């Protein structure tokens, strides 16, 4: 079970204040409800407090501005700030620079494609780390048929 500290409460307040004027698209539901839902899912599926805090703050740079990165890093640490940055496909400033609908659409497509490429690269690296870790555990267990070949085949699937 994930133990939540005052850091989590501070993150709820940070998200509430940063997104105070925002609502879910097409509704009058305050945006904080989405952020609380994300954090709740992180906790429900065994995430750490840092991951839950990042869930609360995951849209801050994208919706409230890049200037929040330094504050998030200072208040909640590098691990949280890095997750938030990894979840961001653009900043509020970048999105605001496109005024006509066609430019906004092109920007959205470009941001999503770049984000998917980023995820693909991260997934490949994650698979390599997981395979290496598993191979290391197997090698130490004395079980045959595991090792570097398995790491390579696991990595190729990424």
N, C-alpha and C. Protein backbone atom coordinates (compact mmCIF):
# COMPACT_ATOMS: atom_id res chain seq x y z
N UNK A 1 0.84 -1.18 0.00
CA UNK A 1 0.00 0.00 0.00
C UNK A 1 0.89 1.24 0.00
N UNK A 2 0.52 2.22 -0.79
CA UNK A 2 1.27 3.46 -0.88
C UNK A 2 0.90 4.38 0.28
N UNK A 3 1.91 4.76 1.03
CA UNK A 3 1.70 5.71 2.12
C UNK A 3 1.79 7.13 1.55
N UNK A 4 0.80 7.93 1.84
CA UNK A 4 0.79 9.31 1.35
C UNK A 4 1.16 10.25 2.48
N UNK A 5 2.04 11.20 2.16
CA UNK A 5 2.52 12.16 3.14
C UNK A 5 1.97 13.55 2.83
N UNK A 6 2.48 14.52 3.56
CA UNK A 6 2.09 15.91 3.31
C UNK A 6 2.48 16.37 1.90
N UNK A 7 3.48 15.73 1.30
CA UNK A 7 3.87 16.08 -0.07
C UNK A 7 2.68 15.87 -1.02
N UNK A 8 1.94 14.79 -0.82
CA UNK A 8 0.78 14.52 -1.67
C UNK A 8 -0.27 15.61 -1.48
N UNK A 9 -0.53 16.00 -0.24
CA UNK A 9 -1.50 17.07 0.03
C UNK A 9 -1.05 18.38 -0.60
N UNK A 10 0.24 18.67 -0.53
CA UNK A 10 0.77 19.88 -1.17
C UNK A 10 0.60 19.81 -2.68
N UNK A 11 0.77 18.62 -3.25
CA UNK A 11 0.60 18.45 -4.70
C UNK A 11 -0.87 18.65 -5.10
N UNK A 12 -1.80 18.18 -4.28
CA UNK A 12 -3.23 18.41 -4.55
C UNK A 12 -3.49 19.91 -4.59
N UNK A 13 -2.95 20.63 -3.60
CA UNK A 13 -3.13 22.09 -3.57
C UNK A 13 -2.48 22.76 -4.77
N UNK A 14 -1.29 22.30 -5.13
CA UNK A 14 -0.59 22.88 -6.28
C UNK A 14 -1.43 22.69 -7.54
N UNK A 15 -1.91 21.48 -7.76
CA UNK A 15 -2.73 21.19 -8.95
C UNK A 15 -4.03 21.98 -8.92
N UNK A 16 -4.65 22.06 -7.75
CA UNK A 16 -5.92 22.79 -7.62
C UNK A 16 -5.75 24.26 -7.98
N UNK A 17 -4.67 24.86 -7.51
CA UNK A 17 -4.43 26.27 -7.78
C UNK A 17 -4.01 26.48 -9.24
N UNK A 18 -3.11 25.64 -9.74
CA UNK A 18 -2.62 25.80 -11.11
C UNK A 18 -3.75 25.65 -12.14
N UNK A 19 -4.69 24.75 -11.88
CA UNK A 19 -5.77 24.47 -12.84
C UNK A 19 -7.10 25.09 -12.42
N UNK A 20 -7.06 26.07 -11.51
CA UNK A 20 -8.29 26.61 -10.91
C UNK A 20 -9.31 27.11 -11.92
N UNK A 21 -8.88 27.70 -13.00
CA UNK A 21 -9.82 28.27 -13.98
C UNK A 21 -10.18 27.29 -15.09
N UNK A 22 -9.75 26.05 -14.98
CA UNK A 22 -9.96 25.09 -16.07
C UNK A 22 -11.07 24.10 -15.74
N UNK A 23 -11.78 23.69 -16.79
CA UNK A 23 -12.86 22.72 -16.66
C UNK A 23 -12.66 21.63 -17.70
N UNK A 24 -13.23 20.47 -17.45
CA UNK A 24 -13.19 19.39 -18.44
C UNK A 24 -13.89 19.87 -19.70
N UNK A 25 -13.38 19.44 -20.85
CA UNK A 25 -13.95 19.90 -22.12
C UNK A 25 -15.45 19.59 -22.18
N UNK A 26 -16.20 20.60 -22.58
CA UNK A 26 -17.63 20.44 -22.79
C UNK A 26 -18.43 20.27 -21.51
N UNK A 27 -17.88 20.67 -20.37
CA UNK A 27 -18.61 20.50 -19.11
C UNK A 27 -18.28 21.64 -18.15
N UNK A 28 -18.91 21.57 -17.00
CA UNK A 28 -18.62 22.52 -15.93
C UNK A 28 -17.90 21.81 -14.78
N UNK A 29 -17.32 20.67 -15.07
CA UNK A 29 -16.61 19.88 -14.06
C UNK A 29 -15.19 20.44 -13.92
N UNK A 30 -14.82 20.86 -12.71
CA UNK A 30 -13.46 21.38 -12.52
C UNK A 30 -12.41 20.35 -12.95
N UNK A 31 -11.34 20.83 -13.57
CA UNK A 31 -10.31 19.96 -14.12
C UNK A 31 -9.62 19.11 -13.05
N UNK A 32 -9.61 19.60 -11.83
CA UNK A 32 -8.96 18.87 -10.73
C UNK A 32 -9.53 17.46 -10.59
N UNK A 33 -10.78 17.26 -10.97
CA UNK A 33 -11.38 15.93 -10.85
C UNK A 33 -10.65 14.91 -11.73
N UNK A 34 -10.25 15.33 -12.92
CA UNK A 34 -9.47 14.44 -13.79
C UNK A 34 -8.14 14.11 -13.12
N UNK A 35 -7.48 15.10 -12.58
CA UNK A 35 -6.16 14.90 -11.97
C UNK A 35 -6.24 13.99 -10.74
N UNK A 36 -7.28 14.17 -9.95
CA UNK A 36 -7.49 13.29 -8.79
C UNK A 36 -7.77 11.86 -9.25
N UNK A 37 -8.49 11.71 -10.34
CA UNK A 37 -8.77 10.39 -10.88
C UNK A 37 -7.50 9.69 -11.35
N UNK A 38 -6.62 10.43 -12.01
CA UNK A 38 -5.35 9.85 -12.45
C UNK A 38 -4.52 9.41 -11.24
N UNK A 39 -4.40 10.27 -10.25
CA UNK A 39 -3.62 9.93 -9.05
C UNK A 39 -4.23 8.71 -8.35
N UNK A 40 -5.55 8.66 -8.31
CA UNK A 40 -6.23 7.53 -7.69
C UNK A 40 -5.90 6.22 -8.40
N UNK A 41 -5.90 6.23 -9.72
CA UNK A 41 -5.56 5.03 -10.48
C UNK A 41 -4.11 4.61 -10.24
N UNK A 42 -3.21 5.58 -10.17
CA UNK A 42 -1.79 5.28 -9.90
C UNK A 42 -1.68 4.55 -8.57
N UNK A 43 -2.35 5.07 -7.55
CA UNK A 43 -2.29 4.45 -6.22
C UNK A 43 -2.96 3.08 -6.24
N UNK A 44 -4.13 2.99 -6.87
CA UNK A 44 -4.86 1.73 -6.93
C UNK A 44 -4.03 0.61 -7.56
N UNK A 45 -3.20 0.96 -8.55
CA UNK A 45 -2.40 -0.05 -9.22
C UNK A 45 -0.98 -0.15 -8.68
N UNK A 46 -0.78 0.34 -7.44
CA UNK A 46 0.48 0.11 -6.75
C UNK A 46 1.58 1.11 -6.99
N UNK A 47 1.27 2.25 -7.56
CA UNK A 47 2.29 3.26 -7.81
C UNK A 47 2.80 3.88 -6.52
N UNK A 48 3.94 4.50 -6.61
CA UNK A 48 4.57 5.16 -5.46
C UNK A 48 3.93 6.54 -5.23
N UNK A 49 4.28 7.15 -4.13
CA UNK A 49 3.80 8.50 -3.87
C UNK A 49 4.31 9.46 -4.94
N UNK A 50 5.57 9.33 -5.34
CA UNK A 50 6.09 10.19 -6.41
C UNK A 50 5.27 10.04 -7.68
N UNK A 51 4.91 8.82 -8.03
CA UNK A 51 4.12 8.58 -9.23
C UNK A 51 2.71 9.16 -9.09
N UNK A 52 2.12 9.05 -7.91
CA UNK A 52 0.79 9.62 -7.67
C UNK A 52 0.84 11.14 -7.76
N UNK A 53 1.90 11.74 -7.21
CA UNK A 53 2.05 13.19 -7.29
C UNK A 53 2.21 13.60 -8.76
N UNK A 54 3.01 12.85 -9.50
CA UNK A 54 3.17 13.15 -10.93
C UNK A 54 1.83 13.01 -11.65
N UNK A 55 0.99 12.06 -11.22
CA UNK A 55 -0.35 11.94 -11.79
C UNK A 55 -1.18 13.19 -11.56
N UNK A 56 -1.04 13.77 -10.39
CA UNK A 56 -1.75 15.02 -10.09
C UNK A 56 -1.26 16.18 -10.95
N UNK A 57 0.03 16.16 -11.25
CA UNK A 57 0.66 17.31 -11.91
C UNK A 57 0.93 17.08 -13.39
N UNK A 58 0.49 15.94 -13.94
CA UNK A 58 0.91 15.54 -15.29
C UNK A 58 0.50 16.52 -16.39
N UNK A 59 -0.52 17.30 -16.22
CA UNK A 59 -0.96 18.25 -17.25
C UNK A 59 -0.53 19.69 -16.97
N UNK A 60 0.22 19.91 -15.92
CA UNK A 60 0.54 21.28 -15.51
C UNK A 60 1.35 22.03 -16.55
N UNK A 61 2.42 21.42 -17.06
CA UNK A 61 3.24 22.12 -18.06
C UNK A 61 2.45 22.36 -19.34
N UNK A 62 1.69 21.34 -19.73
CA UNK A 62 0.94 21.40 -20.98
C UNK A 62 -0.20 22.41 -20.93
N UNK A 63 -0.86 22.53 -19.78
CA UNK A 63 -2.03 23.39 -19.68
C UNK A 63 -1.79 24.71 -18.97
N UNK A 64 -0.73 24.78 -18.16
CA UNK A 64 -0.52 25.98 -17.34
C UNK A 64 0.79 26.70 -17.65
N UNK A 65 1.70 26.04 -18.35
CA UNK A 65 2.92 26.72 -18.76
C UNK A 65 4.20 26.06 -18.28
N UNK A 66 5.24 26.23 -19.09
CA UNK A 66 6.54 25.62 -18.83
C UNK A 66 7.21 26.17 -17.57
N UNK A 67 6.81 27.34 -17.15
CA UNK A 67 7.42 27.93 -15.96
C UNK A 67 7.17 27.10 -14.70
N UNK A 68 6.19 26.22 -14.75
CA UNK A 68 5.89 25.38 -13.59
C UNK A 68 6.94 24.28 -13.37
N UNK A 69 7.71 23.96 -14.39
CA UNK A 69 8.67 22.86 -14.25
C UNK A 69 9.64 23.09 -13.10
N UNK A 70 10.20 24.28 -13.01
CA UNK A 70 11.18 24.58 -11.95
C UNK A 70 10.52 24.47 -10.57
N UNK A 71 9.31 24.97 -10.43
CA UNK A 71 8.61 24.92 -9.15
C UNK A 71 8.29 23.48 -8.76
N UNK A 72 7.86 22.68 -9.73
CA UNK A 72 7.56 21.27 -9.46
C UNK A 72 8.83 20.54 -9.04
N UNK A 73 9.92 20.80 -9.74
CA UNK A 73 11.20 20.16 -9.42
C UNK A 73 11.64 20.54 -8.01
N UNK A 74 11.51 21.82 -7.68
CA UNK A 74 11.94 22.30 -6.36
C UNK A 74 11.05 21.75 -5.23
N UNK A 75 9.74 21.77 -5.44
CA UNK A 75 8.81 21.37 -4.37
C UNK A 75 8.65 19.86 -4.24
N UNK A 76 8.73 19.13 -5.37
CA UNK A 76 8.40 17.71 -5.32
C UNK A 76 9.54 16.79 -5.75
N UNK A 77 10.64 17.36 -6.22
CA UNK A 77 11.82 16.57 -6.52
C UNK A 77 11.98 16.22 -8.00
N UNK A 78 13.19 15.73 -8.31
CA UNK A 78 13.54 15.40 -9.69
C UNK A 78 12.69 14.25 -10.24
N UNK A 79 12.42 13.24 -9.42
CA UNK A 79 11.67 12.08 -9.92
C UNK A 79 10.29 12.51 -10.40
N UNK A 80 9.60 13.33 -9.62
CA UNK A 80 8.26 13.80 -10.00
C UNK A 80 8.36 14.69 -11.24
N UNK A 81 9.28 15.64 -11.22
CA UNK A 81 9.42 16.57 -12.36
C UNK A 81 9.75 15.82 -13.64
N UNK A 82 10.59 14.79 -13.54
CA UNK A 82 10.95 14.01 -14.73
C UNK A 82 9.75 13.26 -15.30
N UNK A 83 8.92 12.69 -14.42
CA UNK A 83 7.71 11.99 -14.88
C UNK A 83 6.76 12.98 -15.54
N UNK A 84 6.56 14.14 -14.91
CA UNK A 84 5.66 15.16 -15.47
C UNK A 84 6.17 15.58 -16.85
N UNK A 85 7.46 15.81 -16.96
CA UNK A 85 8.04 16.22 -18.24
C UNK A 85 7.86 15.11 -19.29
N UNK A 86 8.04 13.86 -18.87
CA UNK A 86 7.86 12.73 -19.80
C UNK A 86 6.41 12.58 -20.27
N UNK A 87 5.47 13.06 -19.46
CA UNK A 87 4.05 12.96 -19.81
C UNK A 87 3.58 14.14 -20.66
N UNK A 88 4.46 15.08 -20.91
CA UNK A 88 4.09 16.32 -21.58
C UNK A 88 4.45 16.27 -23.05
N UNK A 89 3.49 16.55 -23.92
CA UNK A 89 3.79 16.57 -25.35
C UNK A 89 3.86 17.99 -25.90
N UNK A 90 3.76 18.98 -25.05
CA UNK A 90 3.86 20.38 -25.45
C UNK A 90 3.54 21.25 -24.27
N UNK A 91 3.77 22.53 -24.41
CA UNK A 91 3.48 23.45 -23.31
C UNK A 91 2.32 24.36 -23.69
N UNK A 92 1.76 25.01 -22.69
CA UNK A 92 0.67 25.95 -22.92
C UNK A 92 1.13 27.06 -23.87
N UNK A 93 2.37 27.51 -23.70
CA UNK A 93 2.89 28.57 -24.55
C UNK A 93 2.98 28.11 -26.01
N UNK A 94 3.47 26.89 -26.21
CA UNK A 94 3.60 26.36 -27.56
C UNK A 94 2.25 26.20 -28.24
N UNK A 95 1.28 25.72 -27.49
CA UNK A 95 -0.05 25.53 -28.07
C UNK A 95 -0.71 26.87 -28.39
N UNK A 96 -0.46 27.88 -27.55
CA UNK A 96 -1.08 29.19 -27.74
C UNK A 96 -0.50 29.93 -28.94
N UNK A 97 0.67 29.53 -29.39
CA UNK A 97 1.31 30.24 -30.51
C UNK A 97 0.61 29.97 -31.84
N UNK A 98 -0.27 28.99 -31.90
CA UNK A 98 -1.00 28.67 -33.12
C UNK A 98 -2.42 29.21 -33.00
N UNK A 99 -2.78 30.11 -33.90
CA UNK A 99 -4.08 30.76 -33.75
C UNK A 99 -5.15 30.25 -34.70
N UNK A 100 -4.78 29.91 -35.93
CA UNK A 100 -5.84 29.46 -36.83
C UNK A 100 -6.06 27.95 -36.67
N UNK A 101 -7.28 27.48 -36.93
CA UNK A 101 -7.63 26.07 -36.69
C UNK A 101 -6.73 25.07 -37.41
N UNK A 102 -6.35 25.37 -38.65
CA UNK A 102 -5.51 24.43 -39.40
C UNK A 102 -4.11 24.32 -38.76
N UNK A 103 -3.56 25.42 -38.32
CA UNK A 103 -2.25 25.40 -37.66
C UNK A 103 -2.34 24.64 -36.34
N UNK A 104 -3.43 24.83 -35.60
CA UNK A 104 -3.63 24.08 -34.35
C UNK A 104 -3.71 22.58 -34.63
N UNK A 105 -4.41 22.20 -35.68
CA UNK A 105 -4.55 20.79 -36.03
C UNK A 105 -3.20 20.19 -36.41
N UNK A 106 -2.44 20.90 -37.24
CA UNK A 106 -1.11 20.41 -37.63
C UNK A 106 -0.19 20.29 -36.41
N UNK A 107 -0.24 21.30 -35.55
CA UNK A 107 0.57 21.26 -34.33
C UNK A 107 0.19 20.06 -33.46
N UNK A 108 -1.12 19.81 -33.32
CA UNK A 108 -1.59 18.68 -32.50
C UNK A 108 -1.06 17.37 -33.07
N UNK A 109 -1.15 17.20 -34.38
CA UNK A 109 -0.67 15.96 -35.02
C UNK A 109 0.84 15.81 -34.82
N UNK A 110 1.59 16.89 -35.03
CA UNK A 110 3.04 16.83 -34.86
C UNK A 110 3.42 16.48 -33.42
N UNK A 111 2.73 17.11 -32.45
CA UNK A 111 3.02 16.83 -31.04
C UNK A 111 2.72 15.38 -30.68
N UNK A 112 1.60 14.87 -31.17
CA UNK A 112 1.22 13.48 -30.85
C UNK A 112 2.18 12.49 -31.49
N UNK A 113 2.59 12.73 -32.74
CA UNK A 113 3.54 11.83 -33.39
C UNK A 113 4.89 11.85 -32.68
N UNK A 114 5.35 13.03 -32.29
CA UNK A 114 6.62 13.14 -31.55
C UNK A 114 6.50 12.43 -30.21
N UNK A 115 5.37 12.57 -29.55
CA UNK A 115 5.17 11.92 -28.25
C UNK A 115 5.16 10.40 -28.39
N UNK A 116 4.51 9.90 -29.44
CA UNK A 116 4.50 8.45 -29.67
C UNK A 116 5.91 7.93 -29.95
N UNK A 117 6.70 8.69 -30.69
CA UNK A 117 8.09 8.28 -30.95
C UNK A 117 8.88 8.26 -29.64
N UNK A 118 8.63 9.24 -28.79
CA UNK A 118 9.28 9.30 -27.47
C UNK A 118 8.89 8.08 -26.64
N UNK A 119 7.62 7.72 -26.65
CA UNK A 119 7.17 6.55 -25.90
C UNK A 119 7.79 5.27 -26.43
N UNK A 120 7.86 5.17 -27.77
CA UNK A 120 8.45 3.99 -28.39
C UNK A 120 9.90 3.84 -27.95
N UNK A 121 10.66 4.92 -27.95
CA UNK A 121 12.07 4.89 -27.54
C UNK A 121 12.19 4.53 -26.07
N UNK A 122 11.33 5.12 -25.24
CA UNK A 122 11.36 4.80 -23.81
C UNK A 122 10.99 3.35 -23.56
N UNK A 123 10.00 2.83 -24.29
CA UNK A 123 9.58 1.45 -24.13
C UNK A 123 10.72 0.50 -24.49
N UNK A 124 11.44 0.81 -25.57
CA UNK A 124 12.56 -0.04 -25.96
C UNK A 124 13.61 -0.06 -24.86
N UNK A 125 13.92 1.09 -24.30
CA UNK A 125 14.89 1.16 -23.21
C UNK A 125 14.40 0.45 -21.97
N UNK A 126 13.12 0.58 -21.67
CA UNK A 126 12.54 -0.11 -20.52
C UNK A 126 12.61 -1.61 -20.71
N UNK A 127 12.26 -2.08 -21.90
CA UNK A 127 12.32 -3.53 -22.16
C UNK A 127 13.74 -4.05 -22.02
N UNK A 128 14.71 -3.28 -22.49
CA UNK A 128 16.10 -3.71 -22.37
C UNK A 128 16.49 -3.81 -20.90
N UNK A 129 16.12 -2.81 -20.11
CA UNK A 129 16.45 -2.84 -18.68
C UNK A 129 15.75 -4.01 -17.98
N UNK A 130 14.48 -4.25 -18.31
CA UNK A 130 13.76 -5.37 -17.71
C UNK A 130 14.38 -6.70 -18.10
N UNK A 131 14.72 -6.86 -19.36
CA UNK A 131 15.32 -8.12 -19.83
C UNK A 131 16.67 -8.35 -19.17
N UNK A 132 17.47 -7.29 -19.07
CA UNK A 132 18.78 -7.42 -18.43
C UNK A 132 18.61 -7.80 -16.96
N UNK A 133 17.65 -7.20 -16.31
CA UNK A 133 17.40 -7.51 -14.90
C UNK A 133 16.96 -8.96 -14.76
N UNK A 134 16.04 -9.39 -15.60
CA UNK A 134 15.57 -10.78 -15.53
C UNK A 134 16.68 -11.76 -15.84
N UNK A 135 17.48 -11.45 -16.87
CA UNK A 135 18.60 -12.33 -17.23
C UNK A 135 19.59 -12.40 -16.08
N UNK A 136 19.82 -11.28 -15.43
CA UNK A 136 20.73 -11.26 -14.28
C UNK A 136 20.21 -12.12 -13.15
N UNK A 137 18.92 -12.07 -12.91
CA UNK A 137 18.32 -12.91 -11.86
C UNK A 137 18.43 -14.38 -12.24
N UNK A 138 18.15 -14.68 -13.51
CA UNK A 138 18.22 -16.07 -13.98
C UNK A 138 19.64 -16.60 -13.90
N UNK A 139 20.61 -15.78 -14.34
CA UNK A 139 22.00 -16.22 -14.34
C UNK A 139 22.45 -16.59 -12.93
N UNK A 140 21.99 -15.83 -11.96
CA UNK A 140 22.35 -16.11 -10.57
C UNK A 140 21.60 -17.28 -9.98
N UNK A 141 20.53 -17.73 -10.67
CA UNK A 141 19.72 -18.81 -10.11
C UNK A 141 20.21 -20.19 -10.54
N UNK A 142 21.12 -20.23 -11.51
CA UNK A 142 21.62 -21.52 -11.99
C UNK A 142 20.70 -22.20 -12.98
N UNK A 143 19.62 -21.54 -13.41
CA UNK A 143 18.69 -22.13 -14.39
C UNK A 143 19.27 -21.98 -15.78
N UNK A 144 19.26 -23.04 -16.59
CA UNK A 144 19.85 -22.96 -17.93
C UNK A 144 18.94 -22.23 -18.92
N UNK A 145 19.54 -21.89 -20.08
CA UNK A 145 18.75 -21.38 -21.20
C UNK A 145 18.39 -19.92 -21.12
N UNK A 146 19.00 -19.19 -20.28
CA UNK A 146 18.69 -17.77 -20.15
C UNK A 146 19.97 -16.98 -20.32
N UNK A 147 19.87 -15.70 -20.40
CA UNK A 147 21.07 -14.87 -20.46
C UNK A 147 21.01 -13.87 -21.59
N UNK A 148 22.17 -13.60 -22.20
CA UNK A 148 22.29 -12.51 -23.18
C UNK A 148 21.39 -12.71 -24.40
N UNK A 149 21.26 -13.93 -24.89
CA UNK A 149 20.38 -14.17 -26.04
C UNK A 149 18.96 -13.74 -25.74
N UNK A 150 18.49 -14.02 -24.55
CA UNK A 150 17.14 -13.63 -24.16
C UNK A 150 17.03 -12.11 -24.08
N UNK A 151 18.08 -11.46 -23.59
CA UNK A 151 18.06 -10.00 -23.53
C UNK A 151 17.93 -9.44 -24.93
N UNK A 152 18.72 -9.95 -25.87
CA UNK A 152 18.66 -9.46 -27.25
C UNK A 152 17.29 -9.69 -27.87
N UNK A 153 16.71 -10.88 -27.69
CA UNK A 153 15.40 -11.16 -28.30
C UNK A 153 14.31 -10.32 -27.66
N UNK A 154 14.41 -10.09 -26.38
CA UNK A 154 13.42 -9.25 -25.69
C UNK A 154 13.51 -7.82 -26.20
N UNK A 155 14.74 -7.33 -26.38
CA UNK A 155 14.96 -5.97 -26.84
C UNK A 155 14.47 -5.81 -28.28
N UNK A 156 14.66 -6.80 -29.14
CA UNK A 156 14.25 -6.71 -30.54
C UNK A 156 12.74 -6.53 -30.67
N UNK A 157 11.98 -7.05 -29.72
CA UNK A 157 10.52 -6.93 -29.79
C UNK A 157 10.05 -5.51 -29.48
N UNK A 158 10.92 -4.70 -28.93
CA UNK A 158 10.52 -3.34 -28.54
C UNK A 158 10.21 -2.48 -29.75
